[in-house]
PDB file of N, CA and C in Angstrom:
ATOM      1  N   MET A   1      90.092 -34.730  99.518  1.00  0.00           N
ATOM      2  CA  MET A   1      89.330 -35.905  99.146  1.00  0.00           C
ATOM      3  C   MET A   1      88.274 -36.185 100.205  1.00  0.00           C
ATOM      4  N   ASP A   2      88.646 -35.986 101.463  1.00  0.00           N
ATOM      5  CA  ASP A   2      87.677 -36.195 102.531  1.00  0.00           C
ATOM      6  C   ASP A   2      86.488 -35.248 102.377  1.00  0.00           C
ATOM      7  N   LEU A   3      86.777 -33.968 102.094  1.00  0.00           N
ATOM      8  CA  LEU A   3      85.717 -32.970 101.945  1.00  0.00           C
ATOM      9  C   LEU A   3      84.783 -33.292 100.779  1.00  0.00           C
ATOM     10  N   ASN A   4      85.330 -33.914  99.737  1.00  0.00           N
ATOM     11  CA  ASN A   4      84.524 -34.257  98.569  1.00  0.00           C
ATOM     12  C   ASN A   4      83.876 -35.630  98.675  1.00  0.00           C
ATOM     13  N   GLY A   5      84.091 -36.319  99.764  1.00  0.00           N
ATOM     14  CA  GLY A   5      83.475 -37.631  99.959  1.00  0.00           C
ATOM     15  C   GLY A   5      84.123 -38.749  99.169  1.00  0.00           C
ATOM     16  N   VAL A   6      85.377 -38.561  98.731  1.00  0.00           N
ATOM     17  CA  VAL A   6      86.071 -39.612  97.992  1.00  0.00           C
ATOM     18  C   VAL A   6      86.543 -40.657  98.983  1.00  0.00           C
ATOM     19  N   GLN A   7      86.081 -41.876  98.814  1.00  0.00           N
ATOM     20  CA  GLN A   7      86.385 -42.941  99.759  1.00  0.00           C
ATOM     21  C   GLN A   7      87.366 -43.967  99.222  1.00  0.00           C
ATOM     22  N   ALA A   8      87.688 -43.893  97.938  1.00  0.00           N
ATOM     23  CA  ALA A   8      88.542 -44.909  97.326  1.00  0.00           C
ATOM     24  C   ALA A   8      89.783 -44.257  96.729  1.00  0.00           C
ATOM     25  N   GLN A   9      90.639 -45.081  96.149  1.00  0.00           N
ATOM     26  CA  GLN A   9      91.846 -44.574  95.515  1.00  0.00           C
ATOM     27  C   GLN A   9      91.499 -43.866  94.215  1.00  0.00           C
ATOM     28  N   SER A  10      92.349 -42.940  93.842  1.00  0.00           N
ATOM     29  CA  SER A  10      92.170 -42.197  92.604  1.00  0.00           C
ATOM     30  C   SER A  10      93.486 -42.201  91.836  1.00  0.00           C
ATOM     31  N   VAL A  11      93.417 -42.483  90.544  1.00  0.00           N
ATOM     32  CA  VAL A  11      94.599 -42.524  89.699  1.00  0.00           C
ATOM     33  C   VAL A  11      94.812 -41.146  89.101  1.00  0.00           C
ATOM     34  N   LEU A  12      96.026 -40.626  89.256  1.00  0.00           N
ATOM     35  CA  LEU A  12      96.393 -39.331  88.684  1.00  0.00           C
ATOM     36  C   LEU A  12      96.873 -39.562  87.258  1.00  0.00           C
ATOM     37  N   SER A  13      95.943 -39.601  86.350  1.00  0.00           N
ATOM     38  CA  SER A  13      96.230 -39.943  84.972  1.00  0.00           C
ATOM     39  C   SER A  13      96.507 -38.698  84.141  1.00  0.00           C
ATOM     40  N   PRO A  14      97.529 -38.762  83.272  1.00  0.00           N
ATOM     41  CA  PRO A  14      97.770 -37.633  82.374  1.00  0.00           C
ATOM     42  C   PRO A  14      96.645 -37.550  81.350  1.00  0.00           C
ATOM     43  N   THR A  15      96.546 -36.418  80.683  1.00  0.00           N
ATOM     44  CA  THR A  15      95.530 -36.280  79.652  1.00  0.00           C
ATOM     45  C   THR A  15      95.800 -37.269  78.532  1.00  0.00           C
ATOM     46  N   THR A  16      94.796 -37.539  77.736  1.00  0.00           N
ATOM     47  CA  THR A  16      94.950 -38.476  76.620  1.00  0.00           C
ATOM     48  C   THR A  16      96.093 -38.042  75.720  1.00  0.00           C
ATOM     49  N   ARG A  17      96.184 -36.752  75.452  1.00  0.00           N
ATOM     50  CA  ARG A  17      97.241 -36.240  74.579  1.00  0.00           C
ATOM     51  C   ARG A  17      98.624 -36.555  75.145  1.00  0.00           C
ATOM     52  N   VAL A  18      98.799 -36.383  76.444  1.00  0.00           N
ATOM     53  CA  VAL A  18     100.100 -36.649  77.057  1.00  0.00           C
ATOM     54  C   VAL A  18     100.340 -38.143  77.149  1.00  0.00           C
ATOM     55  N   SER A  19      99.347 -38.897  77.599  1.00  0.00           N
ATOM     56  CA  SER A  19      99.564 -40.334  77.777  1.00  0.00           C
ATOM     57  C   SER A  19      99.829 -41.027  76.456  1.00  0.00           C
ATOM     58  N   ALA A  20      99.342 -40.478  75.370  1.00  0.00           N
ATOM     59  CA  ALA A  20      99.631 -41.045  74.048  1.00  0.00           C
ATOM     60  C   ALA A  20     100.992 -40.599  73.540  1.00  0.00           C
ATOM     61  N   ALA A  21     101.689 -39.816  74.352  1.00  0.00           N
ATOM     62  CA  ALA A  21     103.051 -39.352  74.062  1.00  0.00           C
ATOM     63  C   ALA A  21     103.105 -38.381  72.901  1.00  0.00           C
ATOM     64  N   ARG A  22     101.977 -37.847  72.479  1.00  0.00           N
ATOM     65  CA  ARG A  22     101.997 -36.910  71.358  1.00  0.00           C
ATOM     66  C   ARG A  22     102.707 -35.619  71.728  1.00  0.00           C
ATOM     67  N   SER A  23     102.461 -35.113  72.923  1.00  0.00           N
ATOM     68  CA  SER A  23     103.091 -33.841  73.271  1.00  0.00           C
ATOM     69  C   SER A  23     104.564 -34.015  73.586  1.00  0.00           C
ATOM     70  N   SER A  24     104.947 -35.130  74.212  1.00  0.00           N
ATOM     71  CA  SER A  24     106.356 -35.313  74.543  1.00  0.00           C
ATOM     72  C   SER A  24     107.144 -35.861  73.354  1.00  0.00           C
ATOM     73  N   PHE A  25     106.576 -36.799  72.621  1.00  0.00           N
ATOM     74  CA  PHE A  25     107.269 -37.394  71.489  1.00  0.00           C
ATOM     75  C   PHE A  25     107.422 -36.377  70.369  1.00  0.00           C
ATOM     76  N   GLY A  26     106.463 -35.462  70.267  1.00  0.00           N
ATOM     77  CA  GLY A  26     106.513 -34.477  69.202  1.00  0.00           C
ATOM     78  C   GLY A  26     107.207 -33.196  69.621  1.00  0.00           C
ATOM     79  N   ALA A  27     107.983 -33.229  70.682  1.00  0.00           N
ATOM     80  CA  ALA A  27     108.611 -32.012  71.206  1.00  0.00           C
ATOM     81  C   ALA A  27     109.753 -31.508  70.332  1.00  0.00           C
ATOM     82  N   GLY A  28     110.133 -32.234  69.333  1.00  0.00           N
ATOM     83  CA  GLY A  28     111.195 -31.760  68.431  1.00  0.00           C
ATOM     84  C   GLY A  28     112.348 -32.723  68.357  1.00  0.00           C
ATOM     85  N   THR A  29     113.116 -32.812  69.412  1.00  0.00           N
ATOM     86  CA  THR A  29     114.250 -33.733  69.436  1.00  0.00           C
ATOM     87  C   THR A  29     114.003 -34.796  70.501  1.00  0.00           C
ATOM     88  N   ARG A  30     114.654 -35.909  70.354  1.00  0.00           N
ATOM     89  CA  ARG A  30     114.494 -36.980  71.344  1.00  0.00           C
ATOM     90  C   ARG A  30     114.986 -36.547  72.721  1.00  0.00           C
ATOM     91  N   SER A  31     116.062 -35.760  72.768  1.00  0.00           N
ATOM     92  CA  SER A  31     116.573 -35.320  74.072  1.00  0.00           C
ATOM     93  C   SER A  31     115.583 -34.373  74.748  1.00  0.00           C
ATOM     94  N   LEU A  32     114.957 -33.489  73.978  1.00  0.00           N
ATOM     95  CA  LEU A  32     113.946 -32.601  74.536  1.00  0.00           C
ATOM     96  C   LEU A  32     112.716 -33.400  74.963  1.00  0.00           C
ATOM     97  N   SER A  33     112.328 -34.378  74.155  1.00  0.00           N
ATOM     98  CA  SER A  33     111.188 -35.234  74.493  1.00  0.00           C
ATOM     99  C   SER A  33     111.437 -35.977  75.807  1.00  0.00           C
ATOM    100  N   LYS A  34     112.650 -36.485  75.966  1.00  0.00           N
ATOM    101  CA  LYS A  34     113.003 -37.190  77.207  1.00  0.00           C
ATOM    102  C   LYS A  34     112.895 -36.251  78.407  1.00  0.00           C
ATOM    103  N   LEU A  35     113.388 -35.028  78.245  1.00  0.00           N
ATOM    104  CA  LEU A  35     113.293 -34.041  79.330  1.00  0.00           C
ATOM    105  C   LEU A  35     111.838 -33.710  79.659  1.00  0.00           C
ATOM    106  N   CYS A  36     110.976 -33.659  78.647  1.00  0.00           N
ATOM    107  CA  CYS A  36     109.547 -33.396  78.885  1.00  0.00           C
ATOM    108  C   CYS A  36     108.915 -34.522  79.690  1.00  0.00           C
ATOM    109  N   VAL A  37     109.229 -35.763  79.335  1.00  0.00           N
ATOM    110  CA  VAL A  37     108.704 -36.918  80.072  1.00  0.00           C
ATOM    111  C   VAL A  37     109.187 -36.878  81.519  1.00  0.00           C
ATOM    112  N   GLU A  38     110.478 -36.633  81.713  1.00  0.00           N
ATOM    113  CA  GLU A  38     111.035 -36.583  83.072  1.00  0.00           C
ATOM    114  C   GLU A  38     110.430 -35.445  83.883  1.00  0.00           C
ATOM    115  N   ALA A  39     110.255 -34.290  83.257  1.00  0.00           N
ATOM    116  CA  ALA A  39     109.671 -33.142  83.964  1.00  0.00           C
ATOM    117  C   ALA A  39     108.244 -33.444  84.397  1.00  0.00           C
ATOM    118  N   TYR A  40     107.468 -34.053  83.512  1.00  0.00           N
ATOM    119  CA  TYR A  40     106.096 -34.418  83.883  1.00  0.00           C
ATOM    120  C   TYR A  40     106.104 -35.399  85.057  1.00  0.00           C
ATOM    121  N   ASN A  41     106.947 -36.415  84.968  1.00  0.00           N
ATOM    122  CA  ASN A  41     107.004 -37.419  86.037  1.00  0.00           C
ATOM    123  C   ASN A  41     107.469 -36.814  87.354  1.00  0.00           C
ATOM    124  N   ASP A  42     108.437 -35.906  87.285  1.00  0.00           N
ATOM    125  CA  ASP A  42     108.904 -35.245  88.505  1.00  0.00           C
ATOM    126  C   ASP A  42     107.782 -34.427  89.132  1.00  0.00           C
ATOM    127  N   TRP A  43     107.038 -33.705  88.290  1.00  0.00           N
ATOM    128  CA  TRP A  43     105.926 -32.893  88.791  1.00  0.00           C
ATOM    129  C   TRP A  43     104.813 -33.783  89.362  1.00  0.00           C
ATOM    130  N   ASN A  44     104.440 -34.810  88.620  1.00  0.00           N
ATOM    131  CA  ASN A  44     103.324 -35.669  89.026  1.00  0.00           C
ATOM    132  C   ASN A  44     103.664 -36.500  90.253  1.00  0.00           C
ATOM    133  N   GLY A  45     104.898 -36.949  90.358  1.00  0.00           N
ATOM    134  CA  GLY A  45     105.277 -37.811  91.468  1.00  0.00           C
ATOM    135  C   GLY A  45     105.858 -37.091  92.660  1.00  0.00           C
ATOM    136  N   ARG A  46     105.972 -35.760  92.563  1.00  0.00           N
ATOM    137  CA  ARG A  46     106.614 -34.974  93.620  1.00  0.00           C
ATOM    138  C   ARG A  46     106.004 -35.226  94.995  1.00  0.00           C
ATOM    139  N   GLY A  47     104.716 -35.251  95.069  1.00  0.00           N
ATOM    140  CA  GLY A  47     104.068 -35.395  96.375  1.00  0.00           C
ATOM    141  C   GLY A  47     103.692 -36.816  96.733  1.00  0.00           C
ATOM    142  N   VAL A  48     104.273 -37.804  96.041  1.00  0.00           N
ATOM    143  CA  VAL A  48     103.885 -39.196  96.284  1.00  0.00           C
ATOM    144  C   VAL A  48     104.049 -39.576  97.743  1.00  0.00           C
ATOM    145  N   VAL A  49     105.179 -39.257  98.328  1.00  0.00           N
ATOM    146  CA  VAL A  49     105.433 -39.649  99.716  1.00  0.00           C
ATOM    147  C   VAL A  49     104.415 -38.988 100.638  1.00  0.00           C
ATOM    148  N   ARG A  50     104.171 -37.707 100.423  1.00  0.00           N
ATOM    149  CA  ARG A  50     103.177 -37.009 101.246  1.00  0.00           C
ATOM    150  C   ARG A  50     101.787 -37.584 101.033  1.00  0.00           C
ATOM    151  N   ARG A  51     101.434 -37.881  99.782  1.00  0.00           N
ATOM    152  CA  ARG A  51     100.093 -38.373  99.471  1.00  0.00           C
ATOM    153  C   ARG A  51      99.889 -39.808  99.918  1.00  0.00           C
ATOM    154  N   GLN A  52     100.976 -40.566 100.067  1.00  0.00           N
ATOM    155  CA  GLN A  52     100.820 -41.964 100.448  1.00  0.00           C
ATOM    156  C   GLN A  52     100.289 -42.116 101.863  1.00  0.00           C
ATOM    157  N   ARG A  53     100.426 -41.068 102.661  1.00  0.00           N
ATOM    158  CA  ARG A  53      99.854 -41.138 104.001  1.00  0.00           C
ATOM    159  C   ARG A  53      98.367 -41.413 103.914  1.00  0.00           C
ATOM    160  N   ALA A  54      97.702 -40.732 103.003  1.00  0.00           N
ATOM    161  CA  ALA A  54      96.281 -40.984 102.798  1.00  0.00           C
ATOM    162  C   ALA A  54      96.099 -42.273 102.006  1.00  0.00           C
ATOM    163  N   GLY A  55      97.093 -42.612 101.166  1.00  0.00           N
ATOM    164  CA  GLY A  55      97.057 -43.860 100.410  1.00  0.00           C
ATOM    165  C   GLY A  55      96.017 -43.896  99.322  1.00  0.00           C
ATOM    166  N   ARG A  56      95.555 -42.747  98.876  1.00  0.00           N
ATOM    167  CA  ARG A  56      94.464 -42.766  97.910  1.00  0.00           C
ATOM    168  C   ARG A  56      94.814 -42.217  96.546  1.00  0.00           C
ATOM    169  N   LEU A  57      95.881 -41.461  96.416  1.00  0.00           N
ATOM    170  CA  LEU A  57      96.260 -40.889  95.129  1.00  0.00           C
ATOM    171  C   LEU A  57      97.400 -41.690  94.511  1.00  0.00           C
ATOM    172  N   ILE A  58      97.196 -42.156  93.294  1.00  0.00           N
ATOM    173  CA  ILE A  58      98.174 -43.003  92.614  1.00  0.00           C
ATOM    174  C   ILE A  58      98.642 -42.297  91.341  1.00  0.00           C
ATOM    175  N   PRO A  59      99.874 -41.762  91.325  1.00  0.00           N
ATOM    176  CA  PRO A  59     100.364 -41.116  90.106  1.00  0.00           C
ATOM    177  C   PRO A  59     100.783 -42.152  89.065  1.00  0.00           C
ATOM    178  N   LEU A  60     100.557 -41.834  87.800  1.00  0.00           N
ATOM    179  CA  LEU A  60     101.009 -42.671  86.692  1.00  0.00           C
ATOM    180  C   LEU A  60     102.171 -41.965  86.016  1.00  0.00           C
ATOM    181  N   CYS A  61     103.303 -42.645  85.903  1.00  0.00           N
ATOM    182  CA  CYS A  61     104.435 -42.020  85.209  1.00  0.00           C
ATOM    183  C   CYS A  61     104.346 -42.323  83.717  1.00  0.00           C
ATOM    184  N   LEU A  62     104.894 -41.428  82.934  1.00  0.00           N
ATOM    185  CA  LEU A  62     105.017 -41.628  81.494  1.00  0.00           C
ATOM    186  C   LEU A  62     106.368 -42.259  81.205  1.00  0.00           C
ATOM    187  N   VAL A  63     106.493 -42.910  80.066  1.00  0.00           N
ATOM    188  CA  VAL A  63     107.780 -43.476  79.657  1.00  0.00           C
ATOM    189  C   VAL A  63     108.103 -43.020  78.238  1.00  0.00           C
ATOM    190  N   PRO A  64     109.389 -42.872  77.926  1.00  0.00           N
ATOM    191  CA  PRO A  64     109.774 -42.533  76.558  1.00  0.00           C
ATOM    192  C   PRO A  64     109.587 -43.755  75.660  1.00  0.00           C
ATOM    193  N   LEU A  65     108.475 -43.809  74.976  1.00  0.00           N
ATOM    194  CA  LEU A  65     108.101 -44.993  74.201  1.00  0.00           C
ATOM    195  C   LEU A  65     109.039 -45.313  73.050  1.00  0.00           C
ATOM    196  N   TRP A  66     109.782 -44.322  72.589  1.00  0.00           N
ATOM    197  CA  TRP A  66     110.599 -44.511  71.402  1.00  0.00           C
ATOM    198  C   TRP A  66     111.895 -45.261  71.684  1.00  0.00           C
ATOM    199  N   ASP A  67     112.200 -45.589  72.956  1.00  0.00           N
ATOM    200  CA  ASP A  67     113.453 -46.260  73.287  1.00  0.00           C
ATOM    201  C   ASP A  67     113.240 -47.167  74.497  1.00  0.00           C
ATOM    202  N   VAL A  68     113.397 -48.465  74.299  1.00  0.00           N
ATOM    203  CA  VAL A  68     113.143 -49.435  75.365  1.00  0.00           C
ATOM    204  C   VAL A  68     114.032 -49.191  76.577  1.00  0.00           C
ATOM    205  N   GLU A  69     115.332 -48.960  76.351  1.00  0.00           N
ATOM    206  CA  GLU A  69     116.244 -48.758  77.473  1.00  0.00           C
ATOM    207  C   GLU A  69     115.880 -47.500  78.272  1.00  0.00           C
ATOM    208  N   LEU A  70     115.534 -46.419  77.572  1.00  0.00           N
ATOM    209  CA  LEU A  70     115.108 -45.206  78.266  1.00  0.00           C
ATOM    210  C   LEU A  70     113.812 -45.448  79.048  1.00  0.00           C
ATOM    211  N   ALA A  71     112.906 -46.209  78.446  1.00  0.00           N
ATOM    212  CA  ALA A  71     111.641 -46.514  79.118  1.00  0.00           C
ATOM    213  C   ALA A  71     111.884 -47.292  80.411  1.00  0.00           C
ATOM    214  N   VAL A  72     112.732 -48.307  80.341  1.00  0.00           N
ATOM    215  CA  VAL A  72     113.055 -49.107  81.527  1.00  0.00           C
ATOM    216  C   VAL A  72     113.707 -48.232  82.594  1.00  0.00           C
ATOM    217  N   ALA A  73     114.637 -47.389  82.187  1.00  0.00           N
ATOM    218  CA  ALA A  73     115.324 -46.511  83.141  1.00  0.00           C
ATOM    219  C   ALA A  73     114.336 -45.553  83.809  1.00  0.00           C
ATOM    220  N   GLU A  74     113.372 -45.034  83.050  1.00  0.00           N
ATOM    221  CA  GLU A  74     112.402 -44.100  83.615  1.00  0.00           C
ATOM    222  C   GLU A  74     111.445 -44.807  84.578  1.00  0.00           C
ATOM    223  N   VAL A  75     111.056 -46.025  84.250  1.00  0.00           N
ATOM    224  CA  VAL A  75     110.207 -46.794  85.171  1.00  0.00           C
ATOM    225  C   VAL A  75     110.969 -47.059  86.471  1.00  0.00           C
ATOM    226  N   ARG A  76     112.221 -47.462  86.359  1.00  0.00           N
ATOM    227  CA  ARG A  76     113.025 -47.729  87.569  1.00  0.00           C
ATOM    228  C   ARG A  76     113.258 -46.455  88.380  1.00  0.00           C
ATOM    229  N   ARG A  77     113.526 -45.338  87.716  1.00  0.00           N
ATOM    230  CA  ARG A  77     113.746 -44.064  88.405  1.00  0.00           C
ATOM    231  C   ARG A  77     112.505 -43.679  89.212  1.00  0.00           C
ATOM    232  N   ASN A  78     111.357 -43.845  88.607  1.00  0.00           N
ATOM    233  CA  ASN A  78     110.117 -43.486  89.295  1.00  0.00           C
ATOM    234  C   ASN A  78     109.750 -44.496  90.377  1.00  0.00           C
ATOM    235  N   ALA A  79     110.032 -45.758  90.147  1.00  0.00           N
ATOM    236  CA  ALA A  79     109.767 -46.770  91.176  1.00  0.00           C
ATOM    237  C   ALA A  79     110.592 -46.487  92.426  1.00  0.00           C
ATOM    238  N   ALA A  80     111.825 -46.040  92.236  1.00  0.00           N
ATOM    239  CA  ALA A  80     112.680 -45.701  93.379  1.00  0.00           C
ATOM    240  C   ALA A  80     112.117 -44.527  94.175  1.00  0.00           C
ATOM    241  N   ARG A  81     111.322 -43.678  93.500  1.00  0.00           N
ATOM    242  CA  ARG A  81     110.697 -42.539  94.173  1.00  0.00           C
ATOM    243  C   ARG A  81     109.343 -42.888  94.769  1.00  0.00           C
ATOM    244  N   GLY A  82     108.875 -44.125  94.558  1.00  0.00           N
ATOM    245  CA  GLY A  82     107.606 -44.541  95.133  1.00  0.00           C
ATOM    246  C   GLY A  82     106.443 -44.620  94.169  1.00  0.00           C
ATOM    247  N   VAL A  83     106.671 -44.289  92.896  1.00  0.00           N
ATOM    248  CA  VAL A  83     105.602 -44.373  91.902  1.00  0.00           C
ATOM    249  C   VAL A  83     105.441 -45.834  91.502  1.00  0.00           C
ATOM    250  N   ARG A  84     104.213 -46.322  91.495  1.00  0.00           N
ATOM    251  CA  ARG A  84     103.973 -47.743  91.269  1.00  0.00           C
ATOM    252  C   ARG A  84     103.116 -48.055  90.052  1.00  0.00           C
ATOM    253  N   ALA A  85     102.902 -47.063  89.176  1.00  0.00           N
ATOM    254  CA  ALA A  85     102.065 -47.296  87.996  1.00  0.00           C
ATOM    255  C   ALA A  85     102.625 -46.541  86.797  1.00  0.00           C
ATOM    256  N   VAL A  86     102.351 -47.056  85.604  1.00  0.00           N
ATOM    257  CA  VAL A  86     102.871 -46.489  84.374  1.00  0.00           C
ATOM    258  C   VAL A  86     101.715 -46.243  83.402  1.00  0.00           C
ATOM    259  N   ALA A  87     101.759 -45.118  82.707  1.00  0.00           N
ATOM    260  CA  ALA A  87     100.794 -44.820  81.646  1.00  0.00           C
ATOM    261  C   ALA A  87     101.547 -44.759  80.323  1.00  0.00           C
ATOM    262  N   PHE A  88     101.000 -45.402  79.331  1.00  0.00           N
ATOM    263  CA  PHE A  88     101.576 -45.283  78.001  1.00  0.00           C
ATOM    264  C   PHE A  88     100.497 -45.584  76.983  1.00  0.00           C
ATOM    265  N   SER A  89     100.763 -45.243  75.737  1.00  0.00           N
ATOM    266  CA  SER A  89      99.787 -45.422  74.668  1.00  0.00           C
ATOM    267  C   SER A  89      99.459 -46.896  74.485  1.00  0.00           C
ATOM    268  N   GLU A  90      98.177 -47.174  74.366  1.00  0.00           N
ATOM    269  CA  GLU A  90      97.769 -48.556  74.092  1.00  0.00           C
ATOM    270  C   GLU A  90      98.050 -48.947  72.651  1.00  0.00           C
ATOM    271  N   LEU A  91      98.267 -47.949  71.790  1.00  0.00           N
ATOM    272  CA  LEU A  91      98.533 -48.221  70.378  1.00  0.00           C
ATOM    273  C   LEU A  91      99.725 -47.391  69.890  1.00  0.00           C
ATOM    274  N   PRO A  92     100.931 -47.739  70.342  1.00  0.00           N
ATOM    275  CA  PRO A  92     102.096 -46.953  69.915  1.00  0.00           C
ATOM    276  C   PRO A  92     102.309 -46.992  68.405  1.00  0.00           C
ATOM    277  N   ALA A  93     101.795 -48.025  67.732  1.00  0.00           N
ATOM    278  CA  ALA A  93     101.946 -48.101  66.279  1.00  0.00           C
ATOM    279  C   ALA A  93     101.262 -46.913  65.601  1.00  0.00           C
ATOM    280  N   TYR A  94     100.221 -46.356  66.224  1.00  0.00           N
ATOM    281  CA  TYR A  94      99.550 -45.175  65.669  1.00  0.00           C
ATOM    282  C   TYR A  94     100.438 -43.936  65.758  1.00  0.00           C
ATOM    283  N   LEU A  95     101.480 -44.009  66.568  1.00  0.00           N
ATOM    284  CA  LEU A  95     102.426 -42.896  66.699  1.00  0.00           C
ATOM    285  C   LEU A  95     103.680 -43.127  65.856  1.00  0.00           C
ATOM    286  N   GLY A  96     103.648 -44.187  65.039  1.00  0.00           N
ATOM    287  CA  GLY A  96     104.812 -44.504  64.217  1.00  0.00           C
ATOM    288  C   GLY A  96     105.872 -45.285  64.973  1.00  0.00           C
ATOM    289  N   LEU A  97     105.494 -45.869  66.114  1.00  0.00           N
ATOM    290  CA  LEU A  97     106.414 -46.658  66.940  1.00  0.00           C
ATOM    291  C   LEU A  97     106.095 -48.138  66.776  1.00  0.00           C
ATOM    292  N   PRO A  98     106.997 -49.039  67.191  1.00  0.00           N
ATOM    293  CA  PRO A  98     106.714 -50.470  67.076  1.00  0.00           C
ATOM    294  C   PRO A  98     105.478 -50.875  67.877  1.00  0.00           C
ATOM    295  N   SER A  99     104.792 -51.867  67.400  1.00  0.00           N
ATOM    296  CA  SER A  99     103.606 -52.394  68.062  1.00  0.00           C
ATOM    297  C   SER A  99     103.980 -53.082  69.371  1.00  0.00           C
ATOM    298  N   LEU A 100     103.037 -53.081  70.320  1.00  0.00           N
ATOM    299  CA  LEU A 100     103.249 -53.831  71.567  1.00  0.00           C
ATOM    300  C   LEU A 100     103.343 -55.334  71.293  1.00  0.00           C
ATOM    301  N   HIS A 101     102.869 -55.733  70.137  1.00  0.00           N
ATOM    302  CA  HIS A 101     102.855 -57.159  69.792  1.00  0.00           C
ATOM    303  C   HIS A 101     104.065 -57.577  68.960  1.00  0.00           C
ATOM    304  N   SER A 102     105.088 -56.729  68.947  1.00  0.00           N
ATOM    305  CA  SER A 102     106.305 -57.064  68.225  1.00  0.00           C
ATOM    306  C   SER A 102     107.391 -57.460  69.229  1.00  0.00           C
ATOM    307  N   ARG A 103     108.486 -57.963  68.736  1.00  0.00           N
ATOM    308  CA  ARG A 103     109.600 -58.335  69.615  1.00  0.00           C
ATOM    309  C   ARG A 103     110.228 -57.113  70.271  1.00  0.00           C
ATOM    310  N   TYR A 104     110.088 -55.935  69.635  1.00  0.00           N
ATOM    311  CA  TYR A 104     110.648 -54.708  70.174  1.00  0.00           C
ATOM    312  C   TYR A 104     110.059 -54.446  71.556  1.00  0.00           C
TER     313      TYR A 104
END
């Protein structure tokens, strides 16, 4: 980042396809989808402690949108590892999931 002249923080955002949960949610089974989300988060957050020294790279973890309890557990798991941001679809209803504006 120093060599490229980056002076501010940078968010490590997944691609639109991943952040919309299309690749993980469509993985076939819910258990496989959960493993895909966890694998991505493990890969993306692996160097968080090392990167925090510079304090400029911010990884975004994904959550299993199809299950509130799994989503909460994944956010807590990543928070314990030092990840402080979450990426998820702004319109889960387009994926056949409950709206953010519902009680779910």
